[in-house]
Amino acid sequence: MELKLGAALSILVISVFAQTNNKPSEVEITSEPSHHLVLQNAYIRAFQVEVAPRSATLMHRHRHDYLFVTLGPAEVSNEVAGKAPVSLKLQDGEVRFVPGNFAHIARNPTDAPFRNVTIELLRDSKKTWADDRGLHVLHGGTEDVVFVKDGVRVSEVELQIAGVLPKHHHAGPEFLVAVSDLLLRNDVVGKPASNLELKSGEVKWLQGGLTHTVTNVGTKTAKFVTLEF
């Protein structure tokens, strides 16, 4: 009887220990199957992310500050290691900044894929901007400077058909994320005009040191997000 009781207690102790230590194993973001690396340079590391309906990512670590651009309306459960889950409701094209150095699971409780572009900021720049927040009304569109983080200015741009982002100068490089499908004409001073065509979720790195005008030459409203460095 004592042997049976001792064995039962041992099993109970092992079971409790297993439950209290049954934490999800953690992987690097580059090894997380829902994150697909599409661009990396000295400034950023960008991932196209898609979490299938009623599914979740692995527990993965963000070692850098980052921001993400949501593609399509979404609802996601953000489950940070050691914290209670937080439900997020996100709009198409919404941009959010997140300080790094944590691990989490992104769980999709809906019947639609959760898509975004995640951009890790690899430099902690001290650059300042004259306009770090504000809505600019354009000819046939808007440019909304939503925030400056780590020296990077982030804007949401919407151009109606034939809408124009007027002539402006980029001293540093720029990163563009297509929220909608895009067909833009890029008129760079001193160079022939060229078209930029991207599908929703595709990205483009643009070199600095240029002055240009951007026009929506597509057949529907163009929505995109820019990061200026």
Protein backbone atom coordinates (compact mmCIF):
# COMPACT_ATOMS: atom_id res chain seq x y z
CA MET A 1 0.00 0.00 0.00
CA GLU A 2 2.83 2.37 0.92
CA LEU A 3 4.61 1.56 -2.34
CA LYS A 4 1.47 2.31 -4.36
CA LEU A 5 0.95 5.58 -2.47
CA GLY A 6 4.57 6.58 -3.00
CA ALA A 7 4.33 5.80 -6.71
CA ALA A 8 1.13 7.84 -7.00
CA LEU A 9 2.74 10.82 -5.26
CA SER A 10 5.75 10.58 -7.55
CA ILE A 11 3.52 10.62 -10.63
CA LEU A 12 1.61 13.61 -9.27
CA VAL A 13 4.82 15.56 -8.60
CA ILE A 14 6.14 14.78 -12.09
CA SER A 15 2.80 15.82 -13.65
CA VAL A 16 2.71 19.14 -11.76
CA PHE A 17 6.34 19.83 -12.65
CA ALA A 18 5.65 19.11 -16.33
CA GLN A 19 2.64 21.41 -16.36
CA THR A 20 4.46 24.31 -14.70
CA ASN A 21 7.42 23.94 -17.05
CA ASN A 22 5.46 23.26 -20.22
CA LYS A 23 6.32 26.57 -21.85
CA PRO A 24 6.26 26.86 -25.65
CA SER A 25 9.75 26.56 -27.11
CA GLU A 26 11.00 29.84 -28.56
CA VAL A 27 12.40 30.31 -32.08
CA GLU A 28 14.12 33.17 -33.83
CA ILE A 29 11.84 35.21 -36.08
CA THR A 30 13.75 33.97 -39.15
CA SER A 31 12.77 30.39 -38.23
CA GLU A 32 9.07 31.14 -37.67
CA PRO A 33 7.13 29.57 -40.59
CA SER A 34 4.55 32.39 -40.94
CA HIS A 35 7.31 35.03 -41.34
CA HIS A 36 8.93 35.22 -44.78
CA LEU A 37 12.04 37.41 -45.09
CA VAL A 38 11.72 39.61 -48.20
CA LEU A 39 14.35 42.32 -47.68
CA GLN A 40 17.34 42.95 -45.44
CA ASN A 41 19.93 45.72 -45.43
CA ALA A 42 21.78 47.91 -42.92
CA TYR A 43 18.55 49.75 -42.00
CA ILE A 44 15.78 47.15 -41.82
CA ARG A 45 14.76 43.53 -41.99
CA ALA A 46 11.31 43.08 -43.57
CA PHE A 47 9.01 40.05 -43.43
CA GLN A 48 5.78 39.24 -45.21
CA VAL A 49 3.60 37.56 -42.58
CA GLU A 50 0.53 35.39 -43.07
CA VAL A 51 -1.15 33.50 -40.22
CA ALA A 52 -3.74 31.04 -41.48
CA PRO A 53 -7.34 31.14 -40.18
CA ARG A 54 -7.83 29.56 -36.73
CA SER A 55 -4.09 29.11 -36.36
CA ALA A 56 -1.11 30.72 -34.64
CA THR A 57 2.57 31.45 -35.05
CA LEU A 58 5.21 29.69 -33.02
CA MET A 59 6.55 31.54 -29.98
CA HIS A 60 9.16 33.77 -31.62
CA ARG A 61 11.48 36.53 -30.43
CA HIS A 62 11.70 40.13 -31.62
CA ARG A 63 15.19 41.38 -30.78
CA HIS A 64 14.69 44.79 -32.40
CA ASP A 65 12.08 47.54 -32.30
CA TYR A 66 9.70 46.99 -35.19
CA LEU A 67 6.52 48.16 -36.81
CA PHE A 68 3.91 46.27 -38.75
CA VAL A 69 1.54 47.27 -41.54
CA THR A 70 -1.77 45.38 -41.46
CA LEU A 71 -3.12 44.14 -44.80
CA GLY A 72 -6.89 43.87 -44.61
CA PRO A 73 -9.04 44.26 -41.46
CA ALA A 74 -8.02 41.74 -38.81
CA GLU A 75 -8.41 40.55 -35.25
CA VAL A 76 -5.48 38.86 -33.52
CA SER A 77 -4.60 37.66 -30.02
CA ASN A 78 -1.16 38.93 -28.99
CA GLU A 79 0.25 36.44 -26.48
CA VAL A 80 3.49 37.83 -25.04
CA ALA A 81 5.52 35.40 -22.94
CA GLY A 82 4.76 35.94 -19.27
CA LYS A 83 1.74 38.19 -19.88
CA ALA A 84 -1.99 37.78 -20.38
CA PRO A 85 -3.19 37.67 -24.02
CA VAL A 86 -4.34 40.96 -25.54
CA SER A 87 -6.92 41.09 -28.33
CA LEU A 88 -6.12 43.55 -31.14
CA LYS A 89 -8.58 44.81 -33.74
CA LEU A 90 -6.72 46.21 -36.73
CA GLN A 91 -7.76 48.16 -39.82
CA ASP A 92 -6.51 47.76 -43.38
CA GLY A 93 -3.29 49.76 -43.74
CA GLU A 94 -2.97 50.45 -40.01
CA VAL A 95 0.61 50.88 -38.79
CA ARG A 96 1.73 50.12 -35.24
CA PHE A 97 5.14 50.47 -33.58
CA VAL A 98 6.31 47.90 -31.02
CA PRO A 99 9.44 48.12 -28.81
CA GLY A 100 11.55 45.01 -29.22
CA ASN A 101 13.24 42.42 -27.00
CA PHE A 102 10.34 40.08 -26.22
CA ALA A 103 8.83 36.81 -27.43
CA HIS A 104 5.21 36.20 -28.37
CA ILE A 105 2.64 34.17 -30.25
CA ALA A 106 0.26 35.84 -32.71
CA ARG A 107 -2.97 33.85 -32.74
CA ASN A 108 -5.59 34.31 -35.46
CA PRO A 109 -9.08 33.42 -34.10
CA THR A 110 -10.91 34.37 -37.31
CA ASP A 111 -11.86 32.62 -40.55
CA ALA A 112 -9.68 34.93 -42.69
CA PRO A 113 -5.87 35.00 -42.96
CA PHE A 114 -4.04 37.59 -40.84
CA ARG A 115 -1.59 39.35 -43.17
CA ASN A 116 0.94 42.05 -42.45
CA VAL A 117 4.38 43.31 -43.31
CA THR A 118 6.68 43.38 -40.28
CA ILE A 119 9.69 45.71 -40.46
CA GLU A 120 12.46 45.45 -37.88
CA LEU A 121 14.41 48.69 -37.36
CA LEU A 122 18.08 47.77 -37.14
CA ARG A 123 19.36 51.28 -36.37
CA ASP A 124 18.45 53.52 -33.44
CA SER A 125 18.80 56.81 -35.30
CA LYS A 126 18.67 60.17 -33.52
CA LYS A 127 17.41 61.93 -36.66
CA THR A 128 14.71 64.55 -36.05
CA TRP A 129 12.01 65.76 -38.43
CA ALA A 130 10.33 69.15 -38.73
CA ASP A 131 6.92 67.47 -39.11
CA ASP A 132 6.68 64.34 -36.99
CA ARG A 133 2.87 64.25 -37.08
CA GLY A 134 0.24 65.77 -39.35
CA LEU A 135 -2.20 65.28 -42.19
CA HIS A 136 -1.27 66.77 -45.57
CA VAL A 137 -4.11 67.22 -48.06
CA LEU A 138 -2.84 66.59 -51.59
CA HIS A 139 -4.24 67.03 -55.09
CA GLY A 140 -6.47 63.95 -55.09
CA GLY A 141 -5.27 62.30 -51.90
CA THR A 142 -3.76 62.56 -48.44
CA GLU A 143 -0.42 61.96 -46.74
CA ASP A 144 -0.74 61.28 -43.02
CA VAL A 145 2.51 61.38 -41.03
CA VAL A 146 1.53 58.97 -38.24
CA PHE A 147 4.68 58.96 -36.11
CA VAL A 148 8.46 59.16 -35.89
CA LYS A 149 10.13 56.26 -34.07
CA ASP A 150 13.86 55.52 -33.78
CA GLY A 151 14.46 58.42 -36.17
CA VAL A 152 12.23 56.91 -38.88
CA ARG A 153 9.27 58.94 -40.18
CA VAL A 154 6.26 56.78 -41.04
CA SER A 155 3.42 57.99 -43.30
CA GLU A 156 0.19 56.52 -44.65
CA VAL A 157 -0.51 57.72 -48.20
CA GLU A 158 -3.75 57.43 -50.17
CA LEU A 159 -3.98 58.64 -53.77
CA GLN A 160 -7.19 58.59 -55.75
CA ILE A 161 -7.06 57.89 -59.48
CA ALA A 162 -4.71 60.54 -60.99
CA GLY A 163 -3.92 61.77 -57.45
CA VAL A 164 -0.47 63.32 -57.01
CA LEU A 165 2.12 63.33 -54.24
CA PRO A 166 3.79 66.63 -55.23
CA LYS A 167 7.46 67.20 -55.83
CA HIS A 168 9.52 66.53 -52.70
CA HIS A 169 13.09 65.67 -51.79
CA HIS A 170 14.46 62.58 -50.04
CA ALA A 171 17.88 63.11 -48.49
CA GLY A 172 17.90 59.54 -47.14
CA PRO A 173 16.47 56.26 -48.40
CA GLU A 174 12.79 55.32 -48.27
CA PHE A 175 10.96 52.01 -47.83
CA LEU A 176 7.51 51.55 -49.38
CA VAL A 177 4.87 48.96 -48.43
CA ALA A 178 1.95 48.48 -50.82
CA VAL A 179 -1.33 48.25 -48.90
CA SER A 180 -3.42 48.04 -52.08
CA ASP A 181 -2.29 47.00 -55.55
CA LEU A 182 -0.32 49.93 -56.97
CA LEU A 183 0.54 51.42 -60.33
CA LEU A 184 2.48 54.63 -59.70
CA ARG A 185 4.38 56.92 -62.05
CA ASN A 186 7.65 58.08 -60.52
CA ASP A 187 8.97 61.34 -62.02
CA VAL A 188 12.50 61.82 -60.70
CA VAL A 189 14.14 65.16 -61.48
CA GLY A 190 16.89 64.63 -64.04
CA LYS A 191 15.75 61.13 -65.02
CA PRO A 192 13.11 59.61 -67.36
CA ALA A 193 9.75 58.83 -65.77
CA SER A 194 9.20 55.22 -64.73
CA ASN A 195 6.32 53.16 -63.39
CA LEU A 196 6.27 51.27 -60.10
CA GLU A 197 3.83 48.34 -60.02
CA LEU A 198 3.32 46.37 -56.80
CA LYS A 199 0.75 43.93 -55.45
CA SER A 200 -0.72 44.35 -51.97
CA GLY A 201 1.92 43.31 -49.42
CA GLU A 202 4.87 43.78 -51.77
CA VAL A 203 7.67 46.16 -50.80
CA LYS A 204 10.24 48.42 -52.44
CA TRP A 205 13.48 49.98 -51.16
CA LEU A 206 14.16 53.40 -52.74
CA GLN A 207 17.53 55.14 -52.67
CA GLY A 208 17.83 58.64 -51.24
CA GLY A 209 19.32 61.81 -52.67
CA LEU A 210 16.54 62.46 -55.16
CA THR A 211 13.63 64.81 -55.83
CA HIS A 212 10.52 63.32 -57.37
CA THR A 213 6.76 63.47 -57.95
CA VAL A 214 4.48 60.42 -57.59
CA THR A 215 1.21 60.01 -59.51
CA ASN A 216 -1.38 57.25 -59.27
CA VAL A 217 -1.78 56.06 -62.87
CA GLY A 218 -3.75 52.95 -61.90
CA THR A 219 -7.48 52.32 -62.21
CA LYS A 220 -8.29 52.44 -58.48
CA THR A 221 -7.27 54.23 -55.29
CA ALA A 222 -3.66 53.57 -54.28
CA LYS A 223 -2.82 53.01 -50.61
CA PHE A 224 0.74 52.60 -49.33
CA VAL A 225 2.94 53.23 -46.31
CA THR A 226 6.35 54.88 -46.43
CA LEU A 227 9.28 54.76 -44.01
CA GLU A 228 11.77 57.60 -44.44
CA PHE A 229 15.28 57.28 -43.00
